[in-house]
């Protein structure tokens, strides 16, 4: 009986260590998920009226194209 307990305990310990390693990693910012995260100026919205939110979550001034005369 003792021989079965040791492998089960070892598997359990490895599983717990794996879970703790996964939860302790810092999450990276994901642009486009509509959640403002570290390093983002915007995320689909949040810029001023004359700015747009780029695909890199940075606000840039928007200048509309000029119309032909």
N, C-alpha and C. Protein backbone atom coordinates (compact mmCIF):
# COMPACT_ATOMS: atom_id res chain seq x y z
N UNK A 1 0.82 -1.20 0.00
CA UNK A 1 0.00 0.00 0.00
C UNK A 1 0.87 1.26 0.00
N UNK A 2 1.98 1.22 0.72
CA UNK A 2 2.85 2.38 0.79
C UNK A 2 3.45 2.73 -0.57
N UNK A 3 3.68 1.73 -1.41
CA UNK A 3 4.27 1.97 -2.72
C UNK A 3 3.32 2.76 -3.62
N UNK A 4 2.02 2.60 -3.48
CA UNK A 4 1.05 3.34 -4.30
C UNK A 4 0.90 4.77 -3.81
N UNK A 5 1.06 5.01 -2.54
CA UNK A 5 0.88 6.35 -1.99
C UNK A 5 1.97 7.29 -2.48
N UNK A 6 3.18 6.84 -2.55
CA UNK A 6 4.29 7.70 -2.96
C UNK A 6 4.12 8.20 -4.39
N UNK A 7 3.82 7.34 -5.39
CA UNK A 7 3.63 7.87 -6.76
C UNK A 7 2.44 8.82 -6.85
N UNK A 8 1.36 8.54 -6.15
CA UNK A 8 0.19 9.42 -6.19
C UNK A 8 0.55 10.76 -5.57
N UNK A 9 1.28 10.75 -4.47
CA UNK A 9 1.69 12.00 -3.83
C UNK A 9 2.63 12.79 -4.74
N UNK A 10 3.51 12.10 -5.44
CA UNK A 10 4.44 12.78 -6.36
C UNK A 10 3.68 13.43 -7.51
N UNK A 11 2.71 12.72 -8.06
CA UNK A 11 1.89 13.28 -9.15
C UNK A 11 1.12 14.49 -8.65
N UNK A 12 0.55 14.40 -7.47
CA UNK A 12 -0.20 15.51 -6.89
C UNK A 12 0.71 16.72 -6.67
N UNK A 13 1.91 16.49 -6.17
CA UNK A 13 2.85 17.58 -5.93
C UNK A 13 3.25 18.26 -7.24
N UNK A 14 3.52 17.49 -8.26
CA UNK A 14 3.87 18.06 -9.57
C UNK A 14 2.70 18.86 -10.12
N UNK A 15 1.49 18.37 -9.97
CA UNK A 15 0.30 19.07 -10.43
C UNK A 15 0.14 20.41 -9.71
N UNK A 16 0.32 20.42 -8.40
CA UNK A 16 0.20 21.66 -7.63
C UNK A 16 1.29 22.66 -8.04
N UNK A 17 2.50 22.19 -8.23
CA UNK A 17 3.58 23.08 -8.67
C UNK A 17 3.29 23.66 -10.05
N UNK A 18 2.74 22.86 -10.94
CA UNK A 18 2.38 23.33 -12.28
C UNK A 18 1.32 24.42 -12.20
N UNK A 19 0.29 24.20 -11.39
CA UNK A 19 -0.77 25.20 -11.26
C UNK A 19 -0.25 26.50 -10.67
N UNK A 20 0.60 26.41 -9.68
CA UNK A 20 1.12 27.64 -9.07
C UNK A 20 2.02 28.39 -10.04
N UNK A 21 2.76 27.69 -10.88
CA UNK A 21 3.61 28.35 -11.88
C UNK A 21 2.76 29.05 -12.93
N UNK A 22 1.65 28.46 -13.31
CA UNK A 22 0.78 29.06 -14.32
C UNK A 22 0.12 30.32 -13.79
N UNK A 23 -0.29 30.32 -12.55
CA UNK A 23 -1.01 31.47 -12.01
C UNK A 23 -0.08 32.61 -11.62
N UNK A 24 1.21 32.36 -11.45
CA UNK A 24 2.11 33.42 -11.02
C UNK A 24 2.71 34.20 -12.18
N UNK A 25 2.54 33.75 -13.41
CA UNK A 25 3.08 34.48 -14.55
C UNK A 25 2.30 35.77 -14.77
N UNK A 26 3.01 36.82 -15.15
CA UNK A 26 2.34 38.07 -15.45
C UNK A 26 1.59 37.93 -16.77
N UNK A 27 0.39 38.48 -16.80
CA UNK A 27 -0.37 38.41 -18.04
C UNK A 27 0.07 39.55 -18.95
N UNK A 28 0.18 39.28 -20.22
CA UNK A 28 0.57 40.28 -21.19
C UNK A 28 -0.68 41.03 -21.64
N UNK A 29 -0.49 42.27 -22.03
CA UNK A 29 -1.59 43.05 -22.56
C UNK A 29 -2.02 42.48 -23.90
N UNK A 30 -3.32 42.46 -24.11
CA UNK A 30 -3.87 41.98 -25.37
C UNK A 30 -4.64 43.13 -25.99
N UNK A 31 -4.13 43.65 -27.07
CA UNK A 31 -4.78 44.76 -27.75
C UNK A 31 -6.01 44.24 -28.51
N UNK A 32 -7.13 44.93 -28.33
CA UNK A 32 -8.34 44.57 -29.06
C UNK A 32 -9.34 43.77 -28.24
N UNK A 33 -9.04 43.53 -26.96
CA UNK A 33 -9.99 42.79 -26.14
C UNK A 33 -10.94 43.71 -25.37
N UNK A 34 -10.89 45.00 -25.68
CA UNK A 34 -11.75 46.02 -25.07
C UNK A 34 -11.53 46.18 -23.57
N UNK A 35 -10.32 45.82 -23.11
CA UNK A 35 -9.94 46.00 -21.71
C UNK A 35 -8.65 46.80 -21.70
N UNK A 36 -8.66 47.96 -21.03
CA UNK A 36 -7.45 48.77 -20.93
C UNK A 36 -6.46 48.07 -20.01
N UNK A 37 -5.29 47.76 -20.54
CA UNK A 37 -4.27 47.05 -19.77
C UNK A 37 -2.97 47.85 -19.80
N UNK A 38 -2.00 47.42 -19.02
CA UNK A 38 -0.71 48.11 -18.94
C UNK A 38 -0.09 48.27 -20.32
N UNK A 39 0.39 49.48 -20.60
CA UNK A 39 1.05 49.75 -21.87
C UNK A 39 0.12 50.18 -22.99
N UNK A 40 -1.18 50.20 -22.74
CA UNK A 40 -2.15 50.59 -23.77
C UNK A 40 -2.64 52.01 -23.50
N UNK A 41 -2.73 52.82 -24.56
CA UNK A 41 -3.34 54.14 -24.45
C UNK A 41 -4.85 54.04 -24.68
N UNK A 42 -5.25 53.03 -25.42
CA UNK A 42 -6.66 52.82 -25.75
C UNK A 42 -6.84 51.34 -26.05
N UNK A 43 -8.09 50.92 -26.14
CA UNK A 43 -8.38 49.55 -26.57
C UNK A 43 -9.76 49.56 -27.22
N UNK A 44 -9.77 49.82 -28.49
CA UNK A 44 -10.99 49.95 -29.31
C UNK A 44 -11.69 51.28 -29.07
N UNK A 45 -11.40 51.97 -27.99
CA UNK A 45 -11.93 53.30 -27.74
C UNK A 45 -11.07 53.94 -26.65
N UNK A 46 -11.36 55.19 -26.35
CA UNK A 46 -10.62 55.85 -25.29
C UNK A 46 -9.75 57.01 -25.75
N UNK A 47 -9.72 57.27 -27.04
CA UNK A 47 -8.95 58.40 -27.56
C UNK A 47 -9.85 59.63 -27.62
N UNK A 48 -9.24 60.79 -27.85
CA UNK A 48 -10.03 62.01 -27.98
C UNK A 48 -10.77 62.02 -29.31
N UNK A 49 -11.58 63.04 -29.53
CA UNK A 49 -12.44 63.10 -30.71
C UNK A 49 -11.66 63.10 -32.02
N UNK A 50 -10.47 63.69 -32.05
CA UNK A 50 -9.72 63.76 -33.30
C UNK A 50 -8.64 62.69 -33.38
N UNK A 51 -8.75 61.64 -32.58
CA UNK A 51 -7.77 60.57 -32.59
C UNK A 51 -8.44 59.22 -32.86
N UNK A 52 -7.62 58.27 -33.33
CA UNK A 52 -8.09 56.90 -33.52
C UNK A 52 -7.21 55.96 -32.71
N UNK A 53 -7.76 54.82 -32.36
CA UNK A 53 -7.02 53.79 -31.64
C UNK A 53 -6.44 52.83 -32.67
N UNK A 54 -5.11 52.74 -32.74
CA UNK A 54 -4.46 51.88 -33.73
C UNK A 54 -4.51 50.42 -33.31
N UNK A 55 -4.07 49.53 -34.20
CA UNK A 55 -4.05 48.10 -33.88
C UNK A 55 -3.02 47.76 -32.81
N UNK A 56 -2.17 48.74 -32.47
CA UNK A 56 -1.19 48.54 -31.38
C UNK A 56 -1.66 49.22 -30.10
N UNK A 57 -2.94 49.62 -30.06
CA UNK A 57 -3.56 50.26 -28.90
C UNK A 57 -2.87 51.56 -28.51
N UNK A 58 -2.54 52.36 -29.51
CA UNK A 58 -1.97 53.69 -29.30
C UNK A 58 -2.90 54.70 -29.96
N UNK A 59 -3.10 55.85 -29.31
CA UNK A 59 -3.92 56.91 -29.88
C UNK A 59 -3.09 57.72 -30.87
N UNK A 60 -3.62 57.89 -32.06
CA UNK A 60 -2.95 58.71 -33.07
C UNK A 60 -3.95 59.71 -33.63
N UNK A 61 -3.43 60.89 -33.97
CA UNK A 61 -4.28 61.94 -34.52
C UNK A 61 -4.80 61.51 -35.88
N UNK A 62 -6.09 61.68 -36.07
CA UNK A 62 -6.76 61.29 -37.31
C UNK A 62 -6.92 62.53 -38.18
N UNK A 63 -6.43 62.47 -39.38
CA UNK A 63 -6.66 63.56 -40.33
C UNK A 63 -7.39 62.96 -41.53
N UNK A 64 -8.63 63.40 -41.74
CA UNK A 64 -9.41 62.84 -42.85
C UNK A 64 -8.76 63.16 -44.19
N UNK A 65 -8.93 62.29 -45.15
CA UNK A 65 -8.34 62.55 -46.47
C UNK A 65 -8.97 63.78 -47.10
N UNK A 66 -8.18 64.52 -47.84
CA UNK A 66 -8.72 65.71 -48.51
C UNK A 66 -9.51 65.28 -49.74
N UNK A 67 -10.57 65.99 -49.98
CA UNK A 67 -11.42 65.69 -51.14
C UNK A 67 -10.85 66.36 -52.38
N UNK A 68 -10.95 65.70 -53.52
CA UNK A 68 -10.47 66.33 -54.76
C UNK A 68 -11.31 67.55 -55.09
N UNK A 69 -10.66 68.54 -55.65
CA UNK A 69 -11.38 69.78 -55.99
C UNK A 69 -11.95 69.74 -57.37
